Amino acid sequence: MPFLELSIACKASEEARVETALNELGALSVSLLDAADAENEKAILEPGVGETPLWNDIVLLALFDAGTHEGLLLHALDAYDSGIDWSTATFRTVEDQDWERAWLDQFEPMRFGTRTWIIPWHREAPPEAAGSVIIRLDPGLAFGSGTHPTTALCLHWLDGLDLHGKDVLDFGCGSGILALAALKLGAASATGVDNDPQALIATHDNAERNGVGRALQVYLPDAEPLRQYPVVVANILASALIALHDTLAARTQSGGVIALSGILKGQEHEVLAAFAPHFDALTVTQQDDWIRIDGRKR
């Protein structure tokens, strides 16, 4: 299946704004290139965990559905953030096998916290991963591999919890990487919720291949059973977190914990204000330009 690829060059200082706008307008994936290497397609699909690109000039590549109208997309992006010169963007049609090959070339085993590893199926587990929790993933289109700081922040948080026997809600589950990690870390069950049916398919498939399919349920938001959880994680965008603050608070049981990510530096104040009426001990953790907020339900 082909995809529409948008390519746009920007300064490193603008990267987070450009990436946020692309994600808000429905990008299936966003990858990064050093502008100096862009012609050679030496892709660094996302910065490695704990790393920031050292390049001054960056090219962002965003995949959209093949039927996306280029002109309307540029108009919407300009309306979302007129401070970026979107007129420099170029488009081409790419096949999904191009993406998967590049993704496979770059994805390395990664550790989060003290005991959690994300390892691609085609790679051997490193010796230092012996005895750890291992989640295996295949390349996917924008469902999340753990390399982005927002996902890394949530994985570190889950790694530090005692999840044994607990039920976990992964709201905005994407690939299901957080739900899978929770189950591998001892959770009794996990529920994944996403508004993209393809994400639910990816989550289910990843759970089956990791041997935890029976403990995972996936739902579209309208079909999600109304219940409360002792552990809730939502790795979505700040605007969505704010809009869903009542829903997420209602899904967290009294005394339960929540982690909120997908928040750009500078957006945390609005998110804190939205969740403060429901949660105590709200803590802000930053990695690169991204923020995680976690706290405990009153």
C-alpha atoms as a PDB file:
ATOM      1  CA  MET A   1       0.000   0.000   0.000  1.00  0.00           C
ATOM      2  CA  PRO A   2       1.526   3.375  -1.001  1.00  0.00           C
ATOM      3  CA  PHE A   3       1.729   6.410   1.255  1.00  0.00           C
ATOM      4  CA  LEU A   4       2.056  10.131   0.697  1.00  0.00           C
ATOM      5  CA  GLU A   5       5.366  11.346   2.109  1.00  0.00           C
ATOM      6  CA  LEU A   6       5.816  14.990   3.085  1.00  0.00           C
ATOM      7  CA  SER A   7       9.397  16.261   3.372  1.00  0.00           C
ATOM      8  CA  ILE A   8      10.246  19.581   5.006  1.00  0.00           C
ATOM      9  CA  ALA A   9      13.527  21.116   6.135  1.00  0.00           C
ATOM     10  CA  CYS A  10      13.781  23.097   9.359  1.00  0.00           C
ATOM     11  CA  LYS A  11      16.215  24.272  11.994  1.00  0.00           C
ATOM     12  CA  ALA A  12      16.774  22.096  15.053  1.00  0.00           C
ATOM     13  CA  SER A  13      15.062  24.763  17.161  1.00  0.00           C
ATOM     14  CA  GLU A  14      11.857  24.313  15.126  1.00  0.00           C
ATOM     15  CA  GLU A  15      11.840  20.515  15.016  1.00  0.00           C
ATOM     16  CA  ALA A  16       9.475  19.948  17.950  1.00  0.00           C
ATOM     17  CA  ARG A  17       6.921  22.442  16.578  1.00  0.00           C
ATOM     18  CA  VAL A  18       7.004  20.921  13.109  1.00  0.00           C
ATOM     19  CA  GLU A  19       6.683  17.384  14.485  1.00  0.00           C
ATOM     20  CA  THR A  20       3.751  18.350  16.694  1.00  0.00           C
ATOM     21  CA  ALA A  21       1.896  19.998  13.815  1.00  0.00           C
ATOM     22  CA  LEU A  22       2.422  16.973  11.568  1.00  0.00           C
ATOM     23  CA  ASN A  23       1.159  14.614  14.265  1.00  0.00           C
ATOM     24  CA  GLU A  24      -1.855  16.814  14.993  1.00  0.00           C
ATOM     25  CA  LEU A  25      -2.799  16.801  11.298  1.00  0.00           C
ATOM     26  CA  GLY A  26      -2.791  13.027  11.096  1.00  0.00           C
ATOM     27  CA  ALA A  27       0.733  11.943  10.191  1.00  0.00           C
ATOM     28  CA  LEU A  28       1.069   8.171  10.354  1.00  0.00           C
ATOM     29  CA  SER A  29       4.741   8.557  11.194  1.00  0.00           C
ATOM     30  CA  VAL A  30       7.368  11.281  11.535  1.00  0.00           C
ATOM     31  CA  SER A  31      11.035  10.511  10.949  1.00  0.00           C
ATOM     32  CA  LEU A  32      14.172  12.662  11.078  1.00  0.00           C
ATOM     33  CA  LEU A  33      17.141  13.086   8.766  1.00  0.00           C
ATOM     34  CA  ASP A  34      20.307  15.107   9.035  1.00  0.00           C
ATOM     35  CA  ALA A  35      19.804  17.617   6.210  1.00  0.00           C
ATOM     36  CA  ALA A  36      23.404  17.048   5.121  1.00  0.00           C
ATOM     37  CA  ASP A  37      22.637  13.365   4.558  1.00  0.00           C
ATOM     38  CA  ALA A  38      19.085  13.713   3.235  1.00  0.00           C
ATOM     39  CA  GLU A  39      20.084  13.164  -0.396  1.00  0.00           C
ATOM     40  CA  ASN A  40      21.712   9.877   0.576  1.00  0.00           C
ATOM     41  CA  GLU A  41      18.649   8.876   2.640  1.00  0.00           C
ATOM     42  CA  LYS A  42      20.699   8.030   5.720  1.00  0.00           C
ATOM     43  CA  ALA A  43      17.644   8.075   7.926  1.00  0.00           C
ATOM     44  CA  ILE A  44      17.680   8.382  11.669  1.00  0.00           C
ATOM     45  CA  LEU A  45      13.995   7.647  12.011  1.00  0.00           C
ATOM     46  CA  GLU A  46      13.778   8.999  15.533  1.00  0.00           C
ATOM     47  CA  PRO A  47      16.443  10.146  17.974  1.00  0.00           C
ATOM     48  CA  GLY A  48      17.778   7.359  20.139  1.00  0.00           C
ATOM     49  CA  VAL A  49      16.614   7.231  23.729  1.00  0.00           C
ATOM     50  CA  GLY A  50      18.200  10.070  25.685  1.00  0.00           C
ATOM     51  CA  GLU A  51      19.715  11.567  22.546  1.00  0.00           C
ATOM     52  CA  THR A  52      19.068  14.831  20.731  1.00  0.00           C
ATOM     53  CA  PRO A  53      20.130  15.263  17.092  1.00  0.00           C
ATOM     54  CA  LEU A  54      23.278  17.354  16.955  1.00  0.00           C
ATOM     55  CA  TRP A  55      22.439  18.666  13.504  1.00  0.00           C
ATOM     56  CA  ASN A  56      21.556  22.322  12.998  1.00  0.00           C
ATOM     57  CA  ASP A  57      19.480  21.562   9.911  1.00  0.00           C
ATOM     58  CA  ILE A  58      16.963  18.731   9.916  1.00  0.00           C
ATOM     59  CA  VAL A  59      14.660  17.193   7.332  1.00  0.00           C
ATOM     60  CA  LEU A  60      11.420  15.737   8.670  1.00  0.00           C
ATOM     61  CA  LEU A  61       9.645  13.016   6.704  1.00  0.00           C
ATOM     62  CA  ALA A  62       5.989  12.424   7.497  1.00  0.00           C
ATOM     63  CA  LEU A  63       3.825   9.647   6.077  1.00  0.00           C
ATOM     64  CA  PHE A  64       0.140  10.262   5.369  1.00  0.00           C
ATOM     65  CA  ASP A  65      -2.590   8.138   3.822  1.00  0.00           C
ATOM     66  CA  ALA A  66      -2.207   7.933   0.044  1.00  0.00           C
ATOM     67  CA  GLY A  67      -5.487   9.785  -0.521  1.00  0.00           C
ATOM     68  CA  THR A  68      -4.405  12.882   1.414  1.00  0.00           C
ATOM     69  CA  HIS A  69      -4.799  16.109  -0.621  1.00  0.00           C
ATOM     70  CA  GLU A  70      -1.457  17.928  -0.671  1.00  0.00           C
ATOM     71  CA  GLY A  71      -2.853  21.459  -0.929  1.00  0.00           C
ATOM     72  CA  LEU A  72      -5.437  20.990   1.800  1.00  0.00           C
ATOM     73  CA  LEU A  73      -2.809  19.448   4.074  1.00  0.00           C
ATOM     74  CA  LEU A  74      -0.462  22.431   3.610  1.00  0.00           C
ATOM     75  CA  HIS A  75      -3.335  24.820   4.296  1.00  0.00           C
ATOM     76  CA  ALA A  76      -4.236  22.960   7.495  1.00  0.00           C
ATOM     77  CA  LEU A  77      -0.620  22.909   8.643  1.00  0.00           C
ATOM     78  CA  ASP A  78      -0.287  26.649   8.066  1.00  0.00           C
ATOM     79  CA  ALA A  79      -3.491  27.254  10.015  1.00  0.00           C
ATOM     80  CA  TYR A  80      -2.164  25.132  12.888  1.00  0.00           C
ATOM     81  CA  ASP A  81       1.242  26.889  13.051  1.00  0.00           C
ATOM     82  CA  SER A  82       1.714  29.843  10.716  1.00  0.00           C
ATOM     83  CA  GLY A  83       5.172  30.482  12.148  1.00  0.00           C
ATOM     84  CA  ILE A  84       6.568  27.617  10.056  1.00  0.00           C
ATOM     85  CA  ASP A  85       7.166  28.110   6.307  1.00  0.00           C
ATOM     86  CA  TRP A  86       5.173  25.119   5.078  1.00  0.00           C
ATOM     87  CA  SER A  87       5.512  26.237   1.440  1.00  0.00           C
ATOM     88  CA  THR A  88       8.947  24.581   1.363  1.00  0.00           C
ATOM     89  CA  ALA A  89       7.421  21.127   1.838  1.00  0.00           C
ATOM     90  CA  THR A  90       7.676  18.615  -0.992  1.00  0.00           C
ATOM     91  CA  PHE A  91       5.707  15.429  -1.602  1.00  0.00           C
ATOM     92  CA  ARG A  92       6.255  12.006  -3.125  1.00  0.00           C
ATOM     93  CA  THR A  93       4.523   8.632  -3.108  1.00  0.00           C
ATOM     94  CA  VAL A  94       6.393   5.841  -1.306  1.00  0.00           C
ATOM     95  CA  GLU A  95       5.728   2.149  -0.886  1.00  0.00           C
ATOM     96  CA  ASP A  96       5.513   0.777   2.639  1.00  0.00           C
ATOM     97  CA  GLN A  97       8.380  -1.658   2.029  1.00  0.00           C
ATOM     98  CA  ASP A  98      10.703   1.354   1.656  1.00  0.00           C
ATOM     99  CA  TRP A  99       9.758   2.453   5.163  1.00  0.00           C
ATOM    100  CA  GLU A 100      10.114  -0.967   6.699  1.00  0.00           C
ATOM    101  CA  ARG A 101      13.578  -1.503   5.248  1.00  0.00           C
ATOM    102  CA  ALA A 102      14.839   1.834   6.590  1.00  0.00           C
ATOM    103  CA  TRP A 103      13.193   1.224   9.957  1.00  0.00           C
ATOM    104  CA  LEU A 104      14.800  -2.197  10.286  1.00  0.00           C
ATOM    105  CA  ASP A 105      18.212  -0.778   9.466  1.00  0.00           C
ATOM    106  CA  GLN A 106      18.034   1.683  12.363  1.00  0.00           C
ATOM    107  CA  PHE A 107      16.131  -0.028  15.170  1.00  0.00           C
ATOM    108  CA  GLU A 108      18.526  -1.286  17.841  1.00  0.00           C
ATOM    109  CA  PRO A 109      17.789  -3.072  21.161  1.00  0.00           C
ATOM    110  CA  MET A 110      16.955  -0.458  23.797  1.00  0.00           C
ATOM    111  CA  ARG A 111      16.733  -0.593  27.591  1.00  0.00           C
ATOM    112  CA  PHE A 112      14.285   1.441  29.664  1.00  0.00           C
ATOM    113  CA  GLY A 113      14.790   1.698  33.389  1.00  0.00           C
ATOM    114  CA  THR A 114      16.452  -1.277  35.029  1.00  0.00           C
ATOM    115  CA  ARG A 115      14.610  -4.270  33.584  1.00  0.00           C
ATOM    116  CA  THR A 116      12.713  -3.452  30.376  1.00  0.00           C
ATOM    117  CA  TRP A 117      14.095  -4.018  26.863  1.00  0.00           C
ATOM    118  CA  ILE A 118      12.527  -3.361  23.453  1.00  0.00           C
ATOM    119  CA  ILE A 119      14.185  -5.560  20.825  1.00  0.00           C
ATOM    120  CA  PRO A 120      13.254  -6.025  17.139  1.00  0.00           C
ATOM    121  CA  TRP A 121      12.471  -9.555  16.067  1.00  0.00           C
ATOM    122  CA  HIS A 122      15.411  -9.657  13.659  1.00  0.00           C
ATOM    123  CA  ARG A 123      17.997  -8.859  16.359  1.00  0.00           C
ATOM    124  CA  GLU A 124      19.489 -11.075  19.039  1.00  0.00           C
ATOM    125  CA  ALA A 125      19.042  -9.961  22.642  1.00  0.00           C
ATOM    126  CA  PRO A 126      22.307  -8.500  23.957  1.00  0.00           C
ATOM    127  CA  PRO A 127      23.983 -10.321  26.872  1.00  0.00           C
ATOM    128  CA  GLU A 128      23.080  -7.520  29.279  1.00  0.00           C
ATOM    129  CA  ALA A 129      19.380  -8.188  28.630  1.00  0.00           C
ATOM    130  CA  ALA A 130      19.591 -11.649  30.207  1.00  0.00           C
ATOM    131  CA  GLY A 131      16.930 -12.048  32.884  1.00  0.00           C
ATOM    132  CA  SER A 132      15.170  -8.812  31.859  1.00  0.00           C
ATOM    133  CA  VAL A 133      11.681  -8.160  30.547  1.00  0.00           C
ATOM    134  CA  ILE A 134      11.856  -8.271  26.732  1.00  0.00           C
ATOM    135  CA  ILE A 135       9.223  -6.912  24.343  1.00  0.00           C
ATOM    136  CA  ARG A 136       9.695  -7.850  20.692  1.00  0.00           C
ATOM    137  CA  LEU A 137       8.428  -5.539  17.950  1.00  0.00           C
ATOM    138  CA  ASP A 138       8.366  -5.554  14.158  1.00  0.00           C
ATOM    139  CA  PRO A 139       8.611  -2.395  12.066  1.00  0.00           C
ATOM    140  CA  GLY A 140       5.369  -0.482  11.925  1.00  0.00           C
ATOM    141  CA  LEU A 141       3.976   2.681  10.480  1.00  0.00           C
ATOM    142  CA  ALA A 142       3.913   5.289  13.227  1.00  0.00           C
ATOM    143  CA  PHE A 143       2.599   3.076  15.974  1.00  0.00           C
ATOM    144  CA  GLY A 144       5.617   3.637  18.170  1.00  0.00           C
ATOM    145  CA  SER A 145       8.742   1.612  18.766  1.00  0.00           C
ATOM    146  CA  GLY A 146       9.880   3.135  22.046  1.00  0.00           C
ATOM    147  CA  THR A 147      12.489   5.383  20.468  1.00  0.00           C
ATOM    148  CA  HIS A 148      10.554   8.624  20.837  1.00  0.00           C
ATOM    149  CA  PRO A 149      11.057  10.438  24.172  1.00  0.00           C
ATOM    150  CA  THR A 150       7.315  10.391  24.932  1.00  0.00           C
ATOM    151  CA  THR A 151       7.240   6.588  24.766  1.00  0.00           C
ATOM    152  CA  ALA A 152      10.572   6.276  26.562  1.00  0.00           C
ATOM    153  CA  LEU A 153       9.287   8.418  29.436  1.00  0.00           C
ATOM    154  CA  CYS A 154       6.265   6.133  29.865  1.00  0.00           C
ATOM    155  CA  LEU A 155       8.356   2.961  29.661  1.00  0.00           C
ATOM    156  CA  HIS A 156      10.696   4.262  32.375  1.00  0.00           C
ATOM    157  CA  TRP A 157       7.651   5.038  34.540  1.00  0.00           C
ATOM    158  CA  LEU A 158       6.140   1.580  34.074  1.00  0.00           C
ATOM    159  CA  ASP A 159       9.509  -0.032  34.743  1.00  0.00           C
ATOM    160  CA  GLY A 160       9.598   1.633  38.162  1.00  0.00           C
ATOM    161  CA  LEU A 161       6.146   0.425  39.263  1.00  0.00           C
ATOM    162  CA  ASP A 162       5.081  -2.733  41.050  1.00  0.00           C
ATOM    163  CA  LEU A 163       2.496  -3.956  38.538  1.00  0.00           C
ATOM    164  CA  HIS A 164       2.009  -7.500  39.792  1.00  0.00           C
ATOM    165  CA  GLY A 165      -1.662  -8.465  39.737  1.00  0.00           C
ATOM    166  CA  LYS A 166      -2.827  -5.020  38.585  1.00  0.00           C
ATOM    167  CA  ASP A 167      -5.007  -4.007  35.640  1.00  0.00           C
ATOM    168  CA  VAL A 168      -3.585  -1.332  33.339  1.00  0.00           C
ATOM    169  CA  LEU A 169      -5.259   1.048  30.874  1.00  0.00           C
ATOM    170  CA  ASP A 170      -3.181   2.206  27.885  1.00  0.00           C
ATOM    171  CA  PHE A 171      -5.224   5.084  26.433  1.00  0.00           C
ATOM    172  CA  GLY A 172      -4.059   5.895  22.909  1.00  0.00           C
ATOM    173  CA  CYS A 173      -2.256   2.573  22.663  1.00  0.00           C
ATOM    174  CA  GLY A 174      -0.811   2.801  19.127  1.00  0.00           C
ATOM    175  CA  SER A 175       1.393  -0.293  18.767  1.00  0.00           C
ATOM    176  CA  GLY A 176       0.440  -1.404  22.272  1.00  0.00           C
ATOM    177  CA  ILE A 177       4.038  -1.090  23.405  1.00  0.00           C
ATOM    178  CA  LEU A 178       3.060   0.301  26.821  1.00  0.00           C
ATOM    179  CA  ALA A 179       0.351  -2.288  27.389  1.00  0.00           C
ATOM    180  CA  LEU A 180       2.780  -5.048  26.387  1.00  0.00           C
ATOM    181  CA  ALA A 181       5.435  -3.680  28.710  1.00  0.00           C
ATOM    182  CA  ALA A 182       2.945  -3.568  31.596  1.00  0.00           C
ATOM    183  CA  LEU A 183       1.947  -7.193  31.026  1.00  0.00           C
ATOM    184  CA  LYS A 184       5.544  -8.350  30.748  1.00  0.00           C
ATOM    185  CA  LEU A 185       6.271  -6.464  33.986  1.00  0.00           C
ATOM    186  CA  GLY A 186       3.619  -8.481  35.828  1.00  0.00           C
ATOM    187  CA  ALA A 187       0.263  -6.778  35.251  1.00  0.00           C
ATOM    188  CA  ALA A 188      -2.701  -9.124  35.420  1.00  0.00           C
ATOM    189  CA  SER A 189      -4.411  -7.555  32.423  1.00  0.00           C
ATOM    190  CA  ALA A 190      -4.164  -4.581  30.099  1.00  0.00           C
ATOM    191  CA  THR A 191      -6.725  -2.666  28.076  1.00  0.00           C
ATOM    192  CA  GLY A 192      -5.690  -0.734  24.979  1.00  0.00           C
ATOM    193  CA  VAL A 193      -7.858   2.074  23.628  1.00  0.00           C
ATOM    194  CA  ASP A 194      -7.243   3.901  20.355  1.00  0.00           C
ATOM    195  CA  ASN A 195      -9.385   5.748  17.808  1.00  0.00           C
ATOM    196  CA  ASP A 196      -7.481   4.134  14.911  1.00  0.00           C
ATOM    197  CA  PRO A 197      -8.702   0.618  14.065  1.00  0.00           C
ATOM    198  CA  GLN A 198      -5.325  -0.161  12.457  1.00  0.00           C
ATOM    199  CA  ALA A 199      -3.615   0.623  15.757  1.00  0.00           C
ATOM    200  CA  LEU A 200      -5.860  -1.883  17.517  1.00  0.00           C
ATOM    201  CA  ILE A 201      -4.891  -4.536  14.966  1.00  0.00           C
ATOM    202  CA  ALA A 202      -1.215  -3.755  15.533  1.00  0.00           C
ATOM    203  CA  THR A 203      -1.653  -3.919  19.309  1.00  0.00           C
ATOM    204  CA  HIS A 204      -3.451  -7.257  19.141  1.00  0.00           C
ATOM    205  CA  ASP A 205      -0.880  -8.751  16.777  1.00  0.00           C
ATOM    206  CA  ASN A 206       2.041  -7.555  18.900  1.00  0.00           C
ATOM    207  CA  ALA A 207       0.430  -8.989  22.026  1.00  0.00           C
ATOM    208  CA  GLU A 208      -0.119 -12.373  20.389  1.00  0.00           C
ATOM    209  CA  ARG A 209       3.459 -12.549  19.135  1.00  0.00           C
ATOM    210  CA  ASN A 210       4.771 -11.629  22.591  1.00  0.00           C
ATOM    211  CA  GLY A 211       2.692 -14.333  24.262  1.00  0.00           C
ATOM    212  CA  VAL A 212       0.383 -12.004  26.226  1.00  0.00           C
ATOM    213  CA  GLY A 213      -2.596 -11.878  23.883  1.00  0.00           C
ATOM    214  CA  ARG A 214      -4.979 -13.521  26.343  1.00  0.00           C
ATOM    215  CA  ALA A 215      -4.369 -10.800  28.939  1.00  0.00           C
ATOM    216  CA  LEU A 216      -5.001  -7.870  26.564  1.00  0.00           C
ATOM    217  CA  GLN A 217      -8.235  -6.349  25.307  1.00  0.00           C
ATOM    218  CA  VAL A 218      -8.447  -3.547  22.718  1.00  0.00           C
ATOM    219  CA  TYR A 219     -11.287  -1.133  22.034  1.00  0.00           C
ATOM    220  CA  LEU A 220     -12.261   1.915  20.079  1.00  0.00           C
ATOM    221  CA  PRO A 221     -13.128   4.778  22.493  1.00  0.00           C
ATOM    222  CA  ASP A 222     -16.891   4.391  22.021  1.00  0.00           C
ATOM    223  CA  ALA A 223     -16.744   0.654  22.716  1.00  0.00           C
ATOM    224  CA  GLU A 224     -14.486   0.788  25.790  1.00  0.00           C
ATOM    225  CA  PRO A 225     -16.163  -0.686  28.896  1.00  0.00           C
ATOM    226  CA  LEU A 226     -16.649   1.893  31.621  1.00  0.00           C
ATOM    227  CA  ARG A 227     -14.461   0.805  34.508  1.00  0.00           C
ATOM    228  CA  GLN A 228     -11.633   2.050  36.703  1.00  0.00           C
ATOM    229  CA  TYR A 229      -7.989   0.990  36.759  1.00  0.00           C
ATOM    230  CA  PRO A 230      -5.235   1.203  39.362  1.00  0.00           C
ATOM    231  CA  VAL A 231      -2.736   2.161  36.627  1.00  0.00           C
ATOM    232  CA  VAL A 232      -3.479   4.443  33.655  1.00  0.00           C
ATOM    233  CA  VAL A 233      -1.053   5.668  31.009  1.00  0.00           C
ATOM    234  CA  ALA A 234      -1.942   8.055  28.178  1.00  0.00           C
ATOM    235  CA  ASN A 235       0.751   8.874  25.646  1.00  0.00           C
ATOM    236  CA  ILE A 236      -1.125  11.252  23.365  1.00  0.00           C
ATOM    237  CA  LEU A 237      -0.838  14.976  22.616  1.00  0.00           C
ATOM    238  CA  ALA A 238      -1.297  17.718  25.203  1.00  0.00           C
ATOM    239  CA  SER A 239      -4.441  19.072  23.542  1.00  0.00           C
ATOM    240  CA  ALA A 240      -6.050  15.624  23.675  1.00  0.00           C
ATOM    241  CA  LEU A 241      -5.004  15.111  27.299  1.00  0.00           C
ATOM    242  CA  ILE A 242      -6.624  18.392  28.301  1.00  0.00           C
ATOM    243  CA  ALA A 243      -9.819  17.575  26.381  1.00  0.00           C
ATOM    244  CA  LEU A 244      -9.962  14.100  27.959  1.00  0.00           C
ATOM    245  CA  HIS A 245      -8.988  15.041  31.536  1.00  0.00           C
ATOM    246  CA  ASP A 246     -12.396  14.143  32.978  1.00  0.00           C
ATOM    247  CA  THR A 247     -12.470  10.833  31.086  1.00  0.00           C
ATOM    248  CA  LEU A 248      -8.971   9.835  32.182  1.00  0.00           C
ATOM    249  CA  ALA A 249      -9.643  10.875  35.773  1.00  0.00           C
ATOM    250  CA  ALA A 250     -12.823   8.787  35.779  1.00  0.00           C
ATOM    251  CA  ARG A 251     -10.887   5.753  34.481  1.00  0.00           C
ATOM    252  CA  THR A 252      -8.361   5.994  37.359  1.00  0.00           C
ATOM    253  CA  GLN A 253      -9.478   4.438  40.626  1.00  0.00           C
ATOM    254  CA  SER A 254      -9.032   6.207  43.937  1.00  0.00           C
ATOM    255  CA  GLY A 255      -5.408   5.847  44.987  1.00  0.00           C
ATOM    256  CA  GLY A 256      -4.449   4.734  41.487  1.00  0.00           C
ATOM    257  CA  VAL A 257      -1.616   6.240  39.482  1.00  0.00           C
ATOM    258  CA  ILE A 258      -1.550   7.918  36.078  1.00  0.00           C
ATOM    259  CA  ALA A 259       1.158   8.925  33.602  1.00  0.00           C
ATOM    260  CA  LEU A 260       0.499  11.516  30.901  1.00  0.00           C
ATOM    261  CA  SER A 261       2.912  12.035  28.021  1.00  0.00           C
ATOM    262  CA  GLY A 262       3.084  13.524  24.526  1.00  0.00           C
ATOM    263  CA  ILE A 263       3.485  16.961  26.113  1.00  0.00           C
ATOM    264  CA  LEU A 264       5.909  19.483  24.662  1.00  0.00           C
ATOM    265  CA  LYS A 265       7.950  21.630  27.029  1.00  0.00           C
ATOM    266  CA  GLY A 266       5.849  24.717  27.733  1.00  0.00           C
ATOM    267  CA  GLN A 267       2.538  22.833  27.500  1.00  0.00           C
ATOM    268  CA  GLU A 268       2.851  21.177  30.905  1.00  0.00           C
ATOM    269  CA  HIS A 269       1.257  24.076  32.800  1.00  0.00           C
ATOM    270  CA  GLU A 270      -2.104  23.679  31.030  1.00  0.00           C
ATOM    271  CA  VAL A 271      -2.052  19.919  31.505  1.00  0.00           C
ATOM    272  CA  LEU A 272      -1.184  20.293  35.199  1.00  0.00           C
ATOM    273  CA  ALA A 273      -4.050  22.743  35.657  1.00  0.00           C
ATOM    274  CA  ALA A 274      -6.507  20.324  34.006  1.00  0.00           C
ATOM    275  CA  PHE A 275      -5.508  17.321  36.133  1.00  0.00           C
ATOM    276  CA  ALA A 276      -4.742  19.035  39.469  1.00  0.00           C
ATOM    277  CA  PRO A 277      -8.389  18.872  40.659  1.00  0.00           C
ATOM    278  CA  HIS A 278      -8.273  15.071  40.440  1.00  0.00           C
ATOM    279  CA  PHE A 279      -4.680  14.058  41.259  1.00  0.00           C
ATOM    280  CA  ASP A 280      -2.145  14.675  44.024  1.00  0.00           C
ATOM    281  CA  ALA A 281       1.656  14.754  43.895  1.00  0.00           C
ATOM    282  CA  LEU A 282       1.758  15.611  40.210  1.00  0.00           C
ATOM    283  CA  THR A 283       5.367  15.330  39.074  1.00  0.00           C
ATOM    284  CA  VAL A 284       6.941  16.672  35.896  1.00  0.00           C
ATOM    285  CA  THR A 285       9.747  14.713  34.196  1.00  0.00           C
ATOM    286  CA  GLN A 286      11.495  15.995  31.072  1.00  0.00           C
ATOM    287  CA  GLN A 287      13.455  14.245  28.316  1.00  0.00           C
ATOM    288  CA  ASP A 288      14.703  16.429  25.495  1.00  0.00           C
ATOM    289  CA  ASP A 289      11.792  18.773  24.650  1.00  0.00           C
ATOM    290  CA  TRP A 290       9.130  16.361  25.924  1.00  0.00           C
ATOM    291  CA  ILE A 291       7.347  16.103  29.262  1.00  0.00           C
ATOM    292  CA  ARG A 292       5.739  13.333  31.307  1.00  0.00           C
ATOM    293  CA  ILE A 293       3.369  14.177  34.151  1.00  0.00           C
ATOM    294  CA  ASP A 294       2.461  11.506  36.696  1.00  0.00           C
ATOM    295  CA  GLY A 295       0.446  11.547  39.884  1.00  0.00           C
ATOM    296  CA  ARG A 296      -1.945   9.701  42.188  1.00  0.00           C
ATOM    297  CA  LYS A 297      -5.749   9.886  42.146  1.00  0.00           C
ATOM    298  CA  ARG A 298      -7.390  11.341  45.222  1.00  0.00           C
END
